[in-house]
Amino acid sequence: MIDMNRIYLISDIPGYSPQISRLLSMMNYARHTTLAAVKDLSVDQLDYLLDSESNSIGALLLHYAAVEYAYQVSTFEGRDLSEEELTIWGPALNLGDEGRTVIKGNELSYYLDRLNEVRERTYELFSTVDDDWLDVEEEFWYNKPANRYFMWFHVFEDEINHRGQIRLIRKRALA
């Protein structure tokens, strides 16, 4: 759904309200730069750990999908992840020891498929709401109010933050 001819434009996307279009535009650019950072990585490179406390690139990619999925459930369905969903997404949400143990041995296509599946659902969900939906406030971190716009900003802000880690790990894995 990323229009590469418009990747540097934060603008309207047909079928979406103006602010949702802009949010999706920013999410698309963040994803575009993530995909460039992981292009052509092997399984060994995706599994590479800088040390015993670090996360792998593969785990970080799955983390992106897990965070986005969790925000879909939270903001569109108004609920927490179920036990079944936590079985699927928990290691990627938690990372650390759990992620290092479970998330490994996958080809890049595995991670890209998860990212695309979740993003396609995000596009479907955003097509059902308008800009007013973004303004709805809910209790968030530390019992403080946040609107859905901030929550979805955090989805791609988290991706941008971890992309820096991916670039560092990639340099070390390819050294």
N, C-alpha and C. Protein backbone atom coordinates (compact mmCIF):
# COMPACT_ATOMS: atom_id res chain seq x y z
N MET A 1 0.82 -1.20 0.00
CA MET A 1 0.00 0.00 0.00
C MET A 1 0.86 1.26 0.00
N ILE A 2 2.17 1.11 0.14
CA ILE A 2 3.05 2.27 0.11
C ILE A 2 3.28 2.69 -1.33
N ASP A 3 2.91 3.92 -1.65
CA ASP A 3 3.12 4.47 -2.98
C ASP A 3 4.51 5.11 -3.00
N MET A 4 5.46 4.40 -3.61
CA MET A 4 6.86 4.86 -3.60
C MET A 4 7.04 6.19 -4.33
N ASN A 5 6.13 6.54 -5.20
CA ASN A 5 6.23 7.83 -5.89
C ASN A 5 5.84 8.99 -4.97
N ARG A 6 5.22 8.67 -3.82
CA ARG A 6 4.76 9.71 -2.91
C ARG A 6 5.35 9.53 -1.50
N ILE A 7 6.44 8.79 -1.38
CA ILE A 7 6.98 8.43 -0.07
C ILE A 7 7.44 9.64 0.73
N TYR A 8 7.82 10.73 0.07
CA TYR A 8 8.29 11.91 0.79
C TYR A 8 7.21 12.97 0.95
N LEU A 9 5.96 12.60 0.71
CA LEU A 9 4.84 13.52 0.88
C LEU A 9 3.99 13.06 2.06
N ILE A 10 3.77 13.97 2.99
CA ILE A 10 2.80 13.72 4.05
C ILE A 10 1.55 14.44 3.59
N SER A 11 0.63 13.64 3.02
CA SER A 11 -0.52 14.24 2.35
C SER A 11 -1.70 13.28 2.35
N ASP A 12 -2.73 13.67 1.63
CA ASP A 12 -3.94 12.86 1.56
C ASP A 12 -3.69 11.53 0.86
N ILE A 13 -4.37 10.51 1.37
CA ILE A 13 -4.38 9.19 0.75
C ILE A 13 -5.83 8.90 0.42
N PRO A 14 -6.13 8.58 -0.82
CA PRO A 14 -7.54 8.32 -1.19
C PRO A 14 -8.17 7.26 -0.28
N GLY A 15 -9.39 7.57 0.19
CA GLY A 15 -10.13 6.64 1.03
C GLY A 15 -9.94 6.87 2.52
N TYR A 16 -9.11 7.86 2.89
CA TYR A 16 -8.84 8.13 4.30
C TYR A 16 -9.03 9.61 4.58
N SER A 17 -9.46 9.93 5.79
CA SER A 17 -9.63 11.33 6.17
C SER A 17 -8.26 12.01 6.24
N PRO A 18 -8.24 13.35 6.25
CA PRO A 18 -6.96 14.08 6.16
C PRO A 18 -5.93 13.71 7.24
N GLN A 19 -6.30 13.73 8.50
CA GLN A 19 -5.32 13.45 9.56
C GLN A 19 -4.90 11.98 9.56
N ILE A 20 -5.82 11.10 9.29
CA ILE A 20 -5.46 9.68 9.20
C ILE A 20 -4.53 9.48 8.01
N SER A 21 -4.77 10.17 6.91
CA SER A 21 -3.87 10.10 5.76
C SER A 21 -2.46 10.52 6.14
N ARG A 22 -2.36 11.58 6.88
CA ARG A 22 -1.04 12.08 7.26
C ARG A 22 -0.34 11.11 8.22
N LEU A 23 -1.10 10.56 9.14
CA LEU A 23 -0.55 9.56 10.05
C LEU A 23 -0.04 8.35 9.27
N LEU A 24 -0.84 7.86 8.34
CA LEU A 24 -0.43 6.73 7.52
C LEU A 24 0.78 7.08 6.65
N SER A 25 0.84 8.32 6.15
CA SER A 25 1.99 8.75 5.36
C SER A 25 3.27 8.65 6.18
N MET A 26 3.21 9.09 7.44
CA MET A 26 4.38 9.02 8.30
C MET A 26 4.74 7.57 8.64
N MET A 27 3.72 6.76 8.87
CA MET A 27 3.97 5.34 9.13
C MET A 27 4.61 4.68 7.91
N ASN A 28 4.16 5.06 6.72
CA ASN A 28 4.73 4.50 5.49
C ASN A 28 6.20 4.87 5.33
N TYR A 29 6.53 6.11 5.62
CA TYR A 29 7.93 6.52 5.49
C TYR A 29 8.80 5.76 6.50
N ALA A 30 8.32 5.65 7.73
CA ALA A 30 9.08 4.89 8.74
C ALA A 30 9.30 3.46 8.26
N ARG A 31 8.28 2.84 7.71
CA ARG A 31 8.41 1.47 7.22
C ARG A 31 9.36 1.39 6.03
N HIS A 32 9.28 2.36 5.15
CA HIS A 32 10.18 2.42 3.99
C HIS A 32 11.64 2.41 4.44
N THR A 33 11.96 3.20 5.44
CA THR A 33 13.34 3.26 5.91
C THR A 33 13.73 1.98 6.65
N THR A 34 12.79 1.37 7.33
CA THR A 34 13.06 0.08 7.98
C THR A 34 13.38 -0.98 6.94
N LEU A 35 12.58 -1.04 5.89
CA LEU A 35 12.82 -2.04 4.84
C LEU A 35 14.18 -1.85 4.20
N ALA A 36 14.59 -0.61 4.01
CA ALA A 36 15.92 -0.35 3.45
C ALA A 36 17.01 -0.84 4.41
N ALA A 37 16.78 -0.72 5.70
CA ALA A 37 17.78 -1.10 6.70
C ALA A 37 17.97 -2.61 6.81
N VAL A 38 16.98 -3.38 6.39
CA VAL A 38 17.07 -4.85 6.54
C VAL A 38 17.19 -5.57 5.20
N LYS A 39 17.27 -4.83 4.14
CA LYS A 39 17.31 -5.43 2.80
C LYS A 39 18.42 -6.48 2.68
N ASP A 40 18.04 -7.64 2.16
CA ASP A 40 18.97 -8.72 1.82
C ASP A 40 19.68 -9.36 3.01
N LEU A 41 19.17 -9.20 4.22
CA LEU A 41 19.83 -9.83 5.36
C LEU A 41 19.57 -11.34 5.38
N SER A 42 20.59 -12.08 5.77
CA SER A 42 20.48 -13.53 5.90
C SER A 42 19.89 -13.90 7.26
N VAL A 43 19.55 -15.17 7.43
CA VAL A 43 19.05 -15.64 8.72
C VAL A 43 20.07 -15.39 9.82
N ASP A 44 21.33 -15.67 9.55
CA ASP A 44 22.37 -15.44 10.56
C ASP A 44 22.46 -13.97 10.94
N GLN A 45 22.33 -13.09 9.97
CA GLN A 45 22.38 -11.66 10.27
C GLN A 45 21.14 -11.22 11.03
N LEU A 46 19.99 -11.77 10.68
CA LEU A 46 18.76 -11.44 11.40
C LEU A 46 18.79 -11.94 12.84
N ASP A 47 19.51 -13.02 13.09
CA ASP A 47 19.61 -13.61 14.43
C ASP A 47 20.79 -13.10 15.24
N TYR A 48 21.66 -12.31 14.64
CA TYR A 48 22.89 -11.85 15.29
C TYR A 48 22.57 -11.06 16.57
N LEU A 49 23.32 -11.38 17.62
CA LEU A 49 23.19 -10.66 18.88
C LEU A 49 24.51 -9.96 19.19
N LEU A 50 24.43 -8.69 19.53
CA LEU A 50 25.63 -7.94 19.89
C LEU A 50 26.24 -8.49 21.18
N ASP A 51 25.38 -8.91 22.11
CA ASP A 51 25.81 -9.48 23.37
C ASP A 51 24.63 -10.25 23.98
N SER A 52 24.82 -10.77 25.16
CA SER A 52 23.79 -11.62 25.77
C SER A 52 22.55 -10.86 26.22
N GLU A 53 22.58 -9.56 26.18
CA GLU A 53 21.44 -8.74 26.60
C GLU A 53 20.72 -8.07 25.43
N SER A 54 21.25 -8.19 24.23
CA SER A 54 20.69 -7.44 23.10
C SER A 54 19.57 -8.22 22.40
N ASN A 55 18.86 -7.52 21.57
CA ASN A 55 17.82 -8.12 20.73
C ASN A 55 18.38 -8.28 19.32
N SER A 56 17.86 -9.25 18.62
CA SER A 56 18.27 -9.45 17.23
C SER A 56 17.45 -8.56 16.31
N ILE A 57 17.90 -8.41 15.10
CA ILE A 57 17.15 -7.64 14.11
C ILE A 57 15.80 -8.33 13.86
N GLY A 58 15.80 -9.64 13.75
CA GLY A 58 14.55 -10.37 13.54
C GLY A 58 13.56 -10.11 14.66
N ALA A 59 14.05 -10.13 15.90
CA ALA A 59 13.16 -9.87 17.05
C ALA A 59 12.60 -8.45 17.00
N LEU A 60 13.43 -7.49 16.60
CA LEU A 60 12.96 -6.11 16.51
C LEU A 60 11.91 -5.95 15.40
N LEU A 61 12.11 -6.63 14.28
CA LEU A 61 11.12 -6.57 13.21
C LEU A 61 9.78 -7.15 13.68
N LEU A 62 9.84 -8.27 14.36
CA LEU A 62 8.60 -8.88 14.86
C LEU A 62 7.99 -8.00 15.96
N HIS A 63 8.84 -7.31 16.70
CA HIS A 63 8.37 -6.37 17.71
C HIS A 63 7.51 -5.28 17.06
N TYR A 64 7.95 -4.76 15.93
CA TYR A 64 7.15 -3.74 15.22
C TYR A 64 5.75 -4.26 14.93
N ALA A 65 5.69 -5.46 14.38
CA ALA A 65 4.39 -6.05 14.04
C ALA A 65 3.56 -6.26 15.30
N ALA A 66 4.19 -6.73 16.37
CA ALA A 66 3.46 -7.00 17.61
C ALA A 66 2.91 -5.71 18.23
N VAL A 67 3.72 -4.66 18.24
CA VAL A 67 3.26 -3.39 18.79
C VAL A 67 2.08 -2.86 17.98
N GLU A 68 2.20 -2.90 16.67
CA GLU A 68 1.11 -2.40 15.82
C GLU A 68 -0.15 -3.23 16.03
N TYR A 69 0.00 -4.55 16.12
CA TYR A 69 -1.16 -5.41 16.37
C TYR A 69 -1.80 -5.08 17.72
N ALA A 70 -0.98 -4.90 18.75
CA ALA A 70 -1.50 -4.60 20.08
C ALA A 70 -2.27 -3.27 20.07
N TYR A 71 -1.79 -2.30 19.32
CA TYR A 71 -2.50 -1.02 19.25
C TYR A 71 -3.78 -1.13 18.42
N GLN A 72 -3.80 -2.01 17.45
CA GLN A 72 -5.05 -2.28 16.74
C GLN A 72 -6.10 -2.77 17.72
N VAL A 73 -5.72 -3.77 18.51
CA VAL A 73 -6.64 -4.38 19.46
C VAL A 73 -7.08 -3.36 20.52
N SER A 74 -6.13 -2.61 21.04
CA SER A 74 -6.42 -1.65 22.09
C SER A 74 -7.30 -0.51 21.60
N THR A 75 -6.93 0.10 20.48
CA THR A 75 -7.64 1.31 20.06
C THR A 75 -8.90 1.04 19.24
N PHE A 76 -8.91 -0.03 18.48
CA PHE A 76 -10.10 -0.30 17.66
C PHE A 76 -11.07 -1.25 18.35
N GLU A 77 -10.57 -2.14 19.19
CA GLU A 77 -11.45 -3.11 19.84
C GLU A 77 -11.64 -2.81 21.33
N GLY A 78 -10.85 -1.90 21.88
CA GLY A 78 -11.00 -1.51 23.27
C GLY A 78 -10.72 -2.61 24.27
N ARG A 79 -9.73 -3.43 23.97
CA ARG A 79 -9.41 -4.54 24.87
C ARG A 79 -7.92 -4.80 24.89
N ASP A 80 -7.51 -5.63 25.86
CA ASP A 80 -6.13 -6.10 25.93
C ASP A 80 -6.00 -7.36 25.08
N LEU A 81 -4.78 -7.76 24.81
CA LEU A 81 -4.56 -8.99 24.07
C LEU A 81 -5.05 -10.18 24.88
N SER A 82 -5.62 -11.15 24.20
CA SER A 82 -6.08 -12.38 24.84
C SER A 82 -4.88 -13.28 25.16
N GLU A 83 -5.11 -14.32 25.93
CA GLU A 83 -4.04 -15.28 26.22
C GLU A 83 -3.50 -15.89 24.93
N GLU A 84 -4.40 -16.21 24.01
CA GLU A 84 -3.98 -16.79 22.73
C GLU A 84 -3.12 -15.80 21.95
N GLU A 85 -3.53 -14.54 21.92
CA GLU A 85 -2.75 -13.51 21.22
C GLU A 85 -1.40 -13.29 21.91
N LEU A 86 -1.38 -13.37 23.23
CA LEU A 86 -0.11 -13.21 23.95
C LEU A 86 0.83 -14.37 23.66
N THR A 87 0.29 -15.54 23.42
CA THR A 87 1.13 -16.68 23.05
C THR A 87 1.83 -16.39 21.73
N ILE A 88 1.11 -15.77 20.81
CA ILE A 88 1.66 -15.46 19.48
C ILE A 88 2.60 -14.25 19.55
N TRP A 89 2.15 -13.18 20.19
CA TRP A 89 2.86 -11.90 20.13
C TRP A 89 3.70 -11.57 21.35
N GLY A 90 3.49 -12.28 22.46
CA GLY A 90 4.18 -11.96 23.71
C GLY A 90 5.69 -11.88 23.60
N PRO A 91 6.37 -12.89 23.03
CA PRO A 91 7.83 -12.80 22.93
C PRO A 91 8.31 -11.57 22.16
N ALA A 92 7.58 -11.19 21.13
CA ALA A 92 7.97 -10.02 20.35
C ALA A 92 7.65 -8.72 21.09
N LEU A 93 6.59 -8.70 21.87
CA LEU A 93 6.30 -7.51 22.67
C LEU A 93 7.30 -7.35 23.80
N ASN A 94 7.63 -8.46 24.46
CA ASN A 94 8.50 -8.42 25.63
C ASN A 94 9.97 -8.34 25.28
N LEU A 95 10.36 -8.94 24.17
CA LEU A 95 11.75 -9.02 23.75
C LEU A 95 12.60 -9.66 24.86
N GLY A 96 13.81 -9.20 25.09
CA GLY A 96 14.65 -9.74 26.14
C GLY A 96 14.89 -11.23 26.01
N ASP A 97 15.01 -11.92 27.15
CA ASP A 97 15.29 -13.36 27.17
C ASP A 97 14.25 -14.15 26.39
N GLU A 98 12.99 -13.79 26.58
CA GLU A 98 11.91 -14.51 25.88
C GLU A 98 12.07 -14.37 24.37
N GLY A 99 12.32 -13.17 23.90
CA GLY A 99 12.50 -12.94 22.47
C GLY A 99 13.73 -13.65 21.93
N ARG A 100 14.82 -13.61 22.67
CA ARG A 100 16.05 -14.27 22.22
C ARG A 100 15.87 -15.78 22.11
N THR A 101 15.04 -16.35 22.97
CA THR A 101 14.81 -17.79 22.98
C THR A 101 13.90 -18.22 21.83
N VAL A 102 12.87 -17.45 21.57
CA VAL A 102 11.81 -17.86 20.65
C VAL A 102 11.99 -17.33 19.23
N ILE A 103 12.48 -16.11 19.09
CA ILE A 103 12.48 -15.44 17.79
C ILE A 103 13.84 -15.62 17.13
N LYS A 104 13.96 -16.66 16.33
CA LYS A 104 15.21 -16.91 15.61
C LYS A 104 14.98 -17.98 14.55
N GLY A 105 15.91 -18.02 13.60
CA GLY A 105 15.86 -19.05 12.57
C GLY A 105 14.92 -18.78 11.42
N ASN A 106 14.45 -17.54 11.29
CA ASN A 106 13.49 -17.19 10.24
C ASN A 106 14.15 -16.39 9.12
N GLU A 107 13.71 -16.64 7.92
CA GLU A 107 14.14 -15.85 6.76
C GLU A 107 13.54 -14.44 6.86
N LEU A 108 14.15 -13.51 6.17
CA LEU A 108 13.64 -12.14 6.14
C LEU A 108 12.19 -12.11 5.67
N SER A 109 11.84 -12.93 4.72
CA SER A 109 10.47 -12.94 4.20
C SER A 109 9.45 -13.23 5.30
N TYR A 110 9.80 -14.04 6.28
CA TYR A 110 8.90 -14.33 7.40
C TYR A 110 8.53 -13.03 8.12
N TYR A 111 9.54 -12.24 8.46
CA TYR A 111 9.30 -10.99 9.18
C TYR A 111 8.56 -9.98 8.31
N LEU A 112 8.93 -9.90 7.05
CA LEU A 112 8.26 -8.96 6.15
C LEU A 112 6.81 -9.33 5.95
N ASP A 113 6.52 -10.61 5.88
CA ASP A 113 5.12 -11.06 5.75
C ASP A 113 4.31 -10.66 6.97
N ARG A 114 4.87 -10.82 8.19
CA ARG A 114 4.15 -10.43 9.41
C ARG A 114 3.91 -8.92 9.41
N LEU A 115 4.94 -8.15 9.06
CA LEU A 115 4.80 -6.70 9.01
C LEU A 115 3.70 -6.30 8.02
N ASN A 116 3.70 -6.92 6.85
CA ASN A 116 2.70 -6.58 5.83
C ASN A 116 1.30 -7.00 6.23
N GLU A 117 1.15 -8.16 6.84
CA GLU A 117 -0.18 -8.61 7.28
C GLU A 117 -0.77 -7.64 8.29
N VAL A 118 0.04 -7.25 9.25
CA VAL A 118 -0.45 -6.34 10.29
C VAL A 118 -0.75 -4.97 9.69
N ARG A 119 0.13 -4.49 8.82
CA ARG A 119 -0.09 -3.17 8.22
C ARG A 119 -1.33 -3.15 7.34
N GLU A 120 -1.57 -4.23 6.61
CA GLU A 120 -2.79 -4.29 5.79
C GLU A 120 -4.03 -4.18 6.67
N ARG A 121 -4.00 -4.84 7.83
CA ARG A 121 -5.14 -4.74 8.75
C ARG A 121 -5.26 -3.31 9.29
N THR A 122 -4.13 -2.65 9.55
CA THR A 122 -4.16 -1.26 10.00
C THR A 122 -4.86 -0.39 8.96
N TYR A 123 -4.50 -0.58 7.70
CA TYR A 123 -5.16 0.18 6.64
C TYR A 123 -6.67 -0.09 6.60
N GLU A 124 -7.04 -1.35 6.74
CA GLU A 124 -8.47 -1.69 6.75
C GLU A 124 -9.17 -1.02 7.92
N LEU A 125 -8.59 -1.08 9.09
CA LEU A 125 -9.21 -0.48 10.27
C LEU A 125 -9.31 1.03 10.15
N PHE A 126 -8.26 1.68 9.68
CA PHE A 126 -8.30 3.13 9.55
C PHE A 126 -9.31 3.58 8.49
N SER A 127 -9.65 2.74 7.56
CA SER A 127 -10.64 3.12 6.56
C SER A 127 -12.06 3.18 7.15
N THR A 128 -12.22 2.69 8.37
CA THR A 128 -13.54 2.66 9.00
C THR A 128 -13.78 3.82 9.95
N VAL A 129 -12.78 4.68 10.15
CA VAL A 129 -12.91 5.79 11.10
C VAL A 129 -12.51 7.10 10.43
N ASP A 130 -12.78 8.21 11.13
CA ASP A 130 -12.40 9.51 10.60
C ASP A 130 -11.51 10.24 11.60
N ASP A 131 -11.19 11.49 11.30
CA ASP A 131 -10.26 12.24 12.13
C ASP A 131 -10.76 12.41 13.57
N ASP A 132 -12.07 12.50 13.78
CA ASP A 132 -12.59 12.63 15.14
C ASP A 132 -12.19 11.44 16.01
N TRP A 133 -12.08 10.28 15.41
CA TRP A 133 -11.68 9.07 16.13
C TRP A 133 -10.29 9.25 16.74
N LEU A 134 -9.40 9.94 16.04
CA LEU A 134 -8.04 10.17 16.54
C LEU A 134 -8.03 11.03 17.80
N ASP A 135 -9.02 11.89 17.95
CA ASP A 135 -9.06 12.83 19.08
C ASP A 135 -9.58 12.20 20.37
N VAL A 136 -10.14 11.01 20.30
CA VAL A 136 -10.69 10.37 21.50
C VAL A 136 -9.57 10.13 22.51
N GLU A 137 -9.84 10.55 23.75
CA GLU A 137 -8.86 10.40 24.83
C GLU A 137 -9.18 9.19 25.68
N GLU A 138 -8.12 8.51 26.11
CA GLU A 138 -8.24 7.35 26.98
C GLU A 138 -7.11 7.41 27.99
N GLU A 139 -7.27 6.69 29.09
CA GLU A 139 -6.18 6.59 30.06
C GLU A 139 -5.06 5.80 29.42
N PHE A 140 -3.85 6.28 29.63
CA PHE A 140 -2.70 5.65 28.98
C PHE A 140 -1.61 5.46 30.01
N TRP A 141 -0.37 5.55 29.60
CA TRP A 141 0.76 5.30 30.50
C TRP A 141 0.64 6.14 31.76
N TYR A 142 0.97 5.52 32.89
CA TYR A 142 1.04 6.19 34.18
C TYR A 142 -0.26 6.93 34.51
N ASN A 143 -1.39 6.35 34.05
CA ASN A 143 -2.73 6.90 34.33
C ASN A 143 -2.90 8.33 33.82
N LYS A 144 -2.24 8.64 32.73
CA LYS A 144 -2.38 9.96 32.12
C LYS A 144 -3.21 9.84 30.85
N PRO A 145 -3.93 10.91 30.51
CA PRO A 145 -4.73 10.84 29.28
C PRO A 145 -3.86 10.94 28.03
N ALA A 146 -4.29 10.24 27.02
CA ALA A 146 -3.66 10.33 25.70
C ALA A 146 -4.75 10.15 24.66
N ASN A 147 -4.58 10.79 23.52
CA ASN A 147 -5.56 10.55 22.47
C ASN A 147 -5.02 9.47 21.52
N ARG A 148 -5.91 8.97 20.70
CA ARG A 148 -5.53 7.89 19.78
C ARG A 148 -4.48 8.35 18.78
N TYR A 149 -4.49 9.63 18.48
CA TYR A 149 -3.47 10.15 17.58
C TYR A 149 -2.08 9.91 18.18
N PHE A 150 -1.92 10.23 19.47
CA PHE A 150 -0.64 9.98 20.12
C PHE A 150 -0.32 8.49 20.14
N MET A 151 -1.30 7.67 20.44
CA MET A 151 -1.06 6.23 20.52
C MET A 151 -0.53 5.69 19.20
N TRP A 152 -1.11 6.14 18.10
CA TRP A 152 -0.65 5.67 16.79
C TRP A 152 0.65 6.35 16.37
N PHE A 153 0.89 7.56 16.83
CA PHE A 153 2.21 8.17 16.65
C PHE A 153 3.26 7.28 17.32
N HIS A 154 2.93 6.78 18.51
CA HIS A 154 3.88 5.94 19.23
C HIS A 154 4.21 4.66 18.46
N VAL A 155 3.26 4.13 17.69
CA VAL A 155 3.53 2.91 16.92
C VAL A 155 4.71 3.13 15.98
N PHE A 156 4.71 4.21 15.23
CA PHE A 156 5.82 4.40 14.30
C PHE A 156 7.02 5.08 14.96
N GLU A 157 6.80 5.79 16.05
CA GLU A 157 7.92 6.35 16.81
C GLU A 157 8.75 5.21 17.39
N ASP A 158 8.09 4.16 17.85
CA ASP A 158 8.79 2.98 18.37
C ASP A 158 9.60 2.31 17.26
N GLU A 159 9.02 2.25 16.07
CA GLU A 159 9.74 1.67 14.93
C GLU A 159 10.98 2.49 14.59
N ILE A 160 10.84 3.80 14.57
CA ILE A 160 11.98 4.66 14.26
C ILE A 160 13.07 4.50 15.32
N ASN A 161 12.67 4.45 16.58
CA ASN A 161 13.62 4.28 17.67
C ASN A 161 14.41 2.99 17.51
N HIS A 162 13.73 1.89 17.29
CA HIS A 162 14.41 0.60 17.17
C HIS A 162 15.16 0.46 15.85
N ARG A 163 14.77 1.23 14.84
CA ARG A 163 15.50 1.17 13.58
C ARG A 163 16.95 1.60 13.76
N GLY A 164 17.18 2.52 14.66
CA GLY A 164 18.55 2.89 14.98
C GLY A 164 19.33 1.70 15.51
N GLN A 165 18.70 0.90 16.34
CA GLN A 165 19.34 -0.32 16.84
C GLN A 165 19.62 -1.27 15.68
N ILE A 166 18.65 -1.41 14.79
CA ILE A 166 18.83 -2.32 13.65
C ILE A 166 20.04 -1.90 12.82
N ARG A 167 20.18 -0.63 12.57
CA ARG A 167 21.32 -0.16 11.77
C ARG A 167 22.65 -0.46 12.47
N LEU A 168 22.68 -0.28 13.78
CA LEU A 168 23.89 -0.58 14.53
C LEU A 168 24.19 -2.09 14.50
N ILE A 169 23.18 -2.90 14.74
CA ILE A 169 23.36 -4.36 14.73
C ILE A 169 23.80 -4.82 13.35
N ARG A 170 23.19 -4.27 12.32
CA ARG A 170 23.55 -4.65 10.94
C ARG A 170 25.04 -4.38 10.67
N LYS A 171 25.52 -3.23 11.09
CA LYS A 171 26.94 -2.92 10.90
C LYS A 171 27.82 -3.94 11.57
N ARG A 172 27.46 -4.35 12.76
CA ARG A 172 28.25 -5.33 13.50
C ARG A 172 28.12 -6.73 12.87
N ALA A 173 26.91 -7.07 12.45
CA ALA A 173 26.67 -8.41 11.87
C ALA A 173 27.39 -8.57 10.54
N LEU A 174 27.56 -7.49 9.81
CA LEU A 174 28.21 -7.55 8.50
C LEU A 174 29.72 -7.32 8.59
N ALA A 175 30.19 -6.96 9.78
CA ALA A 175 31.63 -6.67 9.95
C ALA A 175 32.48 -7.93 9.82
